[in-house]
């Protein structure tokens, strides 16, 4: 973790990190701040599936709510979230915007069949 600039983990992964490093708090805001400070990570994001995600690239931690969809296949939605998050951060968008966009893409992929479904970015309008 000392070598990464962006850390994106899900609930299961953050629980493993908490155990490895002896973090006891469940509060994601405190945990993200500790991880950023201890490892010098620029952006930390914890996803909670359909419930949304927490993200921080500054001193503040923001919550981005999930989007309600009729789920068909969640396989691949986490990978789609990660790709969308990195893409928007690379394009210079704020962490909050990037996280919200990633939540929409993750929901879109979960609403389709298959781990890597065909879709167009304009299909995101169906989610928003």
C-alpha atoms as a PDB file:
ATOM      1  CA  UNK A   1       0.000   0.000   0.000  1.00  0.00           C
ATOM      2  CA  UNK A   2       2.986   2.300   0.378  1.00  0.00           C
ATOM      3  CA  UNK A   3       3.459   2.154  -3.385  1.00  0.00           C
ATOM      4  CA  UNK A   4      -0.046   2.991  -4.570  1.00  0.00           C
ATOM      5  CA  UNK A   5      -1.633   6.334  -5.341  1.00  0.00           C
ATOM      6  CA  UNK A   6      -5.223   5.101  -5.521  1.00  0.00           C
ATOM      7  CA  UNK A   7      -6.589   2.383  -3.254  1.00  0.00           C
ATOM      8  CA  UNK A   8     -10.026   0.954  -4.063  1.00  0.00           C
ATOM      9  CA  UNK A   9     -11.264  -1.848  -1.826  1.00  0.00           C
ATOM     10  CA  UNK A  10     -14.611  -3.462  -1.117  1.00  0.00           C
ATOM     11  CA  UNK A  11     -16.131  -4.341   2.271  1.00  0.00           C
ATOM     12  CA  UNK A  12     -14.510  -7.774   2.426  1.00  0.00           C
ATOM     13  CA  UNK A  13     -11.084  -6.402   1.516  1.00  0.00           C
ATOM     14  CA  UNK A  14     -11.245  -3.516   3.987  1.00  0.00           C
ATOM     15  CA  UNK A  15     -12.067  -5.972   6.771  1.00  0.00           C
ATOM     16  CA  UNK A  16      -8.911  -7.941   5.936  1.00  0.00           C
ATOM     17  CA  UNK A  17      -6.862  -4.726   5.930  1.00  0.00           C
ATOM     18  CA  UNK A  18      -8.353  -3.770   9.295  1.00  0.00           C
ATOM     19  CA  UNK A  19      -7.320  -7.140  10.754  1.00  0.00           C
ATOM     20  CA  UNK A  20      -3.802  -7.058   9.300  1.00  0.00           C
ATOM     21  CA  UNK A  21      -3.056  -3.569  10.597  1.00  0.00           C
ATOM     22  CA  UNK A  22      -5.013  -3.783  13.834  1.00  0.00           C
ATOM     23  CA  UNK A  23      -7.615  -1.150  13.015  1.00  0.00           C
ATOM     24  CA  UNK A  24     -10.612  -1.584  15.264  1.00  0.00           C
ATOM     25  CA  UNK A  25     -12.987   1.151  14.150  1.00  0.00           C
ATOM     26  CA  UNK A  26     -15.776   0.408  11.702  1.00  0.00           C
ATOM     27  CA  UNK A  27     -16.187   4.093  10.867  1.00  0.00           C
ATOM     28  CA  UNK A  28     -14.999   4.340   7.261  1.00  0.00           C
ATOM     29  CA  UNK A  29     -14.307   8.062   7.508  1.00  0.00           C
ATOM     30  CA  UNK A  30     -11.822   7.551  10.335  1.00  0.00           C
ATOM     31  CA  UNK A  31     -10.367   4.448   8.718  1.00  0.00           C
ATOM     32  CA  UNK A  32      -9.826   6.150   5.354  1.00  0.00           C
ATOM     33  CA  UNK A  33      -8.106   9.084   7.050  1.00  0.00           C
ATOM     34  CA  UNK A  34      -5.814   6.700   8.960  1.00  0.00           C
ATOM     35  CA  UNK A  35      -4.916   4.723   5.839  1.00  0.00           C
ATOM     36  CA  UNK A  36      -4.194   7.879   3.833  1.00  0.00           C
ATOM     37  CA  UNK A  37      -2.002   9.298   6.574  1.00  0.00           C
ATOM     38  CA  UNK A  38      -0.151   6.077   7.366  1.00  0.00           C
ATOM     39  CA  UNK A  39       0.584   5.073   3.768  1.00  0.00           C
ATOM     40  CA  UNK A  40       0.563   8.408   1.931  1.00  0.00           C
ATOM     41  CA  UNK A  41      -2.123   7.284  -0.499  1.00  0.00           C
ATOM     42  CA  UNK A  42      -3.606  10.076  -2.604  1.00  0.00           C
ATOM     43  CA  UNK A  43      -7.104   8.601  -3.090  1.00  0.00           C
ATOM     44  CA  UNK A  44      -8.810   5.947  -0.954  1.00  0.00           C
ATOM     45  CA  UNK A  45     -12.166   4.459  -1.918  1.00  0.00           C
ATOM     46  CA  UNK A  46     -14.195   1.826  -0.062  1.00  0.00           C
ATOM     47  CA  UNK A  47     -17.119   0.347  -1.971  1.00  0.00           C
ATOM     48  CA  UNK A  48     -20.235  -1.158  -0.428  1.00  0.00           C
ATOM     49  CA  UNK A  49     -21.851  -2.643  -3.511  1.00  0.00           C
ATOM     50  CA  UNK A  50     -25.371  -1.364  -4.097  1.00  0.00           C
ATOM     51  CA  UNK A  51     -25.110   0.884  -1.019  1.00  0.00           C
ATOM     52  CA  UNK A  52     -22.500   3.117  -2.685  1.00  0.00           C
ATOM     53  CA  UNK A  53     -18.952   4.092  -1.749  1.00  0.00           C
ATOM     54  CA  UNK A  54     -16.801   6.302   0.447  1.00  0.00           C
ATOM     55  CA  UNK A  55     -13.956   8.248  -1.151  1.00  0.00           C
ATOM     56  CA  UNK A  56     -11.322  10.728  -0.089  1.00  0.00           C
ATOM     57  CA  UNK A  57      -8.655  12.621  -1.985  1.00  0.00           C
ATOM     58  CA  UNK A  58      -8.309  15.476   0.485  1.00  0.00           C
ATOM     59  CA  UNK A  59      -8.907  15.917   4.192  1.00  0.00           C
ATOM     60  CA  UNK A  60     -12.604  15.147   3.740  1.00  0.00           C
ATOM     61  CA  UNK A  61     -14.294  11.812   3.176  1.00  0.00           C
ATOM     62  CA  UNK A  62     -17.355  11.840   0.929  1.00  0.00           C
ATOM     63  CA  UNK A  63     -20.129   9.285   0.624  1.00  0.00           C
ATOM     64  CA  UNK A  64     -21.515   8.551  -2.832  1.00  0.00           C
ATOM     65  CA  UNK A  65     -24.827   6.684  -2.630  1.00  0.00           C
ATOM     66  CA  UNK A  66     -25.518   3.692  -4.805  1.00  0.00           C
ATOM     67  CA  UNK A  67     -28.143   3.588  -7.528  1.00  0.00           C
ATOM     68  CA  UNK A  68     -31.220   1.385  -7.364  1.00  0.00           C
ATOM     69  CA  UNK A  69     -31.399  -0.936 -10.319  1.00  0.00           C
ATOM     70  CA  UNK A  70     -32.951  -4.240 -11.214  1.00  0.00           C
ATOM     71  CA  UNK A  71     -29.885  -6.403 -10.771  1.00  0.00           C
ATOM     72  CA  UNK A  72     -29.243  -9.124 -13.309  1.00  0.00           C
ATOM     73  CA  UNK A  73     -25.579 -10.029 -12.887  1.00  0.00           C
ATOM     74  CA  UNK A  74     -23.213  -8.371 -10.425  1.00  0.00           C
ATOM     75  CA  UNK A  75     -20.136 -10.171 -11.758  1.00  0.00           C
ATOM     76  CA  UNK A  76     -17.915  -7.516 -13.302  1.00  0.00           C
ATOM     77  CA  UNK A  77     -19.626  -4.525 -11.687  1.00  0.00           C
ATOM     78  CA  UNK A  78     -16.753  -3.992  -9.214  1.00  0.00           C
ATOM     79  CA  UNK A  79     -14.203  -4.094 -12.026  1.00  0.00           C
ATOM     80  CA  UNK A  80     -16.333  -1.661 -14.038  1.00  0.00           C
ATOM     81  CA  UNK A  81     -16.490   0.623 -10.985  1.00  0.00           C
ATOM     82  CA  UNK A  82     -12.695   0.539 -10.630  1.00  0.00           C
ATOM     83  CA  UNK A  83     -12.092   1.257 -14.313  1.00  0.00           C
ATOM     84  CA  UNK A  84     -14.568   4.152 -14.319  1.00  0.00           C
ATOM     85  CA  UNK A  85     -13.078   5.610 -11.138  1.00  0.00           C
ATOM     86  CA  UNK A  86      -9.517   5.517 -12.475  1.00  0.00           C
ATOM     87  CA  UNK A  87     -10.603   6.899 -15.851  1.00  0.00           C
ATOM     88  CA  UNK A  88     -12.360   9.923 -14.336  1.00  0.00           C
ATOM     89  CA  UNK A  89      -9.539  10.614 -11.854  1.00  0.00           C
ATOM     90  CA  UNK A  90      -7.040  10.441 -14.728  1.00  0.00           C
ATOM     91  CA  UNK A  91      -9.187  12.874 -16.719  1.00  0.00           C
ATOM     92  CA  UNK A  92      -8.873  15.360 -13.846  1.00  0.00           C
ATOM     93  CA  UNK A  93     -12.338  15.135 -12.328  1.00  0.00           C
ATOM     94  CA  UNK A  94     -12.827  15.472  -8.583  1.00  0.00           C
ATOM     95  CA  UNK A  95     -12.802  12.319  -6.497  1.00  0.00           C
ATOM     96  CA  UNK A  96     -16.466  12.844  -5.630  1.00  0.00           C
ATOM     97  CA  UNK A  97     -17.494  13.175  -9.290  1.00  0.00           C
ATOM     98  CA  UNK A  98     -15.348  10.174 -10.251  1.00  0.00           C
ATOM     99  CA  UNK A  99     -16.890   8.076  -7.469  1.00  0.00           C
ATOM    100  CA  UNK A 100     -20.453   8.992  -8.420  1.00  0.00           C
ATOM    101  CA  UNK A 101     -19.734   8.204 -12.071  1.00  0.00           C
ATOM    102  CA  UNK A 102     -18.177   4.887 -11.031  1.00  0.00           C
ATOM    103  CA  UNK A 103     -21.272   4.054  -8.938  1.00  0.00           C
ATOM    104  CA  UNK A 104     -23.432   4.643 -12.015  1.00  0.00           C
ATOM    105  CA  UNK A 105     -21.235   2.456 -14.234  1.00  0.00           C
ATOM    106  CA  UNK A 106     -21.145  -0.308 -11.606  1.00  0.00           C
ATOM    107  CA  UNK A 107     -24.940  -0.204 -11.367  1.00  0.00           C
ATOM    108  CA  UNK A 108     -25.286  -0.190 -15.150  1.00  0.00           C
ATOM    109  CA  UNK A 109     -23.084  -3.283 -15.514  1.00  0.00           C
ATOM    110  CA  UNK A 110     -24.989  -5.046 -12.700  1.00  0.00           C
ATOM    111  CA  UNK A 111     -28.252  -4.343 -14.529  1.00  0.00           C
ATOM    112  CA  UNK A 112     -27.024  -6.242 -17.596  1.00  0.00           C
ATOM    113  CA  UNK A 113     -26.177  -9.889 -18.232  1.00  0.00           C
ATOM    114  CA  UNK A 114     -22.575 -11.050 -18.234  1.00  0.00           C
ATOM    115  CA  UNK A 115     -19.358  -9.941 -16.580  1.00  0.00           C
ATOM    116  CA  UNK A 116     -18.386  -7.686 -19.499  1.00  0.00           C
ATOM    117  CA  UNK A 117     -21.651  -6.648 -21.144  1.00  0.00           C
ATOM    118  CA  UNK A 118     -21.910  -4.410 -24.175  1.00  0.00           C
ATOM    119  CA  UNK A 119     -23.051  -0.893 -23.329  1.00  0.00           C
ATOM    120  CA  UNK A 120     -22.539   2.677 -24.429  1.00  0.00           C
ATOM    121  CA  UNK A 121     -21.708   5.519 -22.055  1.00  0.00           C
ATOM    122  CA  UNK A 122     -25.019   7.164 -22.963  1.00  0.00           C
ATOM    123  CA  UNK A 123     -26.687   4.137 -21.307  1.00  0.00           C
ATOM    124  CA  UNK A 124     -25.643   5.678 -17.988  1.00  0.00           C
ATOM    125  CA  UNK A 125     -28.624   8.033 -18.385  1.00  0.00           C
ATOM    126  CA  UNK A 126     -30.842   5.045 -17.577  1.00  0.00           C
ATOM    127  CA  UNK A 127     -29.188   4.823 -14.154  1.00  0.00           C
ATOM    128  CA  UNK A 128     -29.044   8.497 -13.158  1.00  0.00           C
END
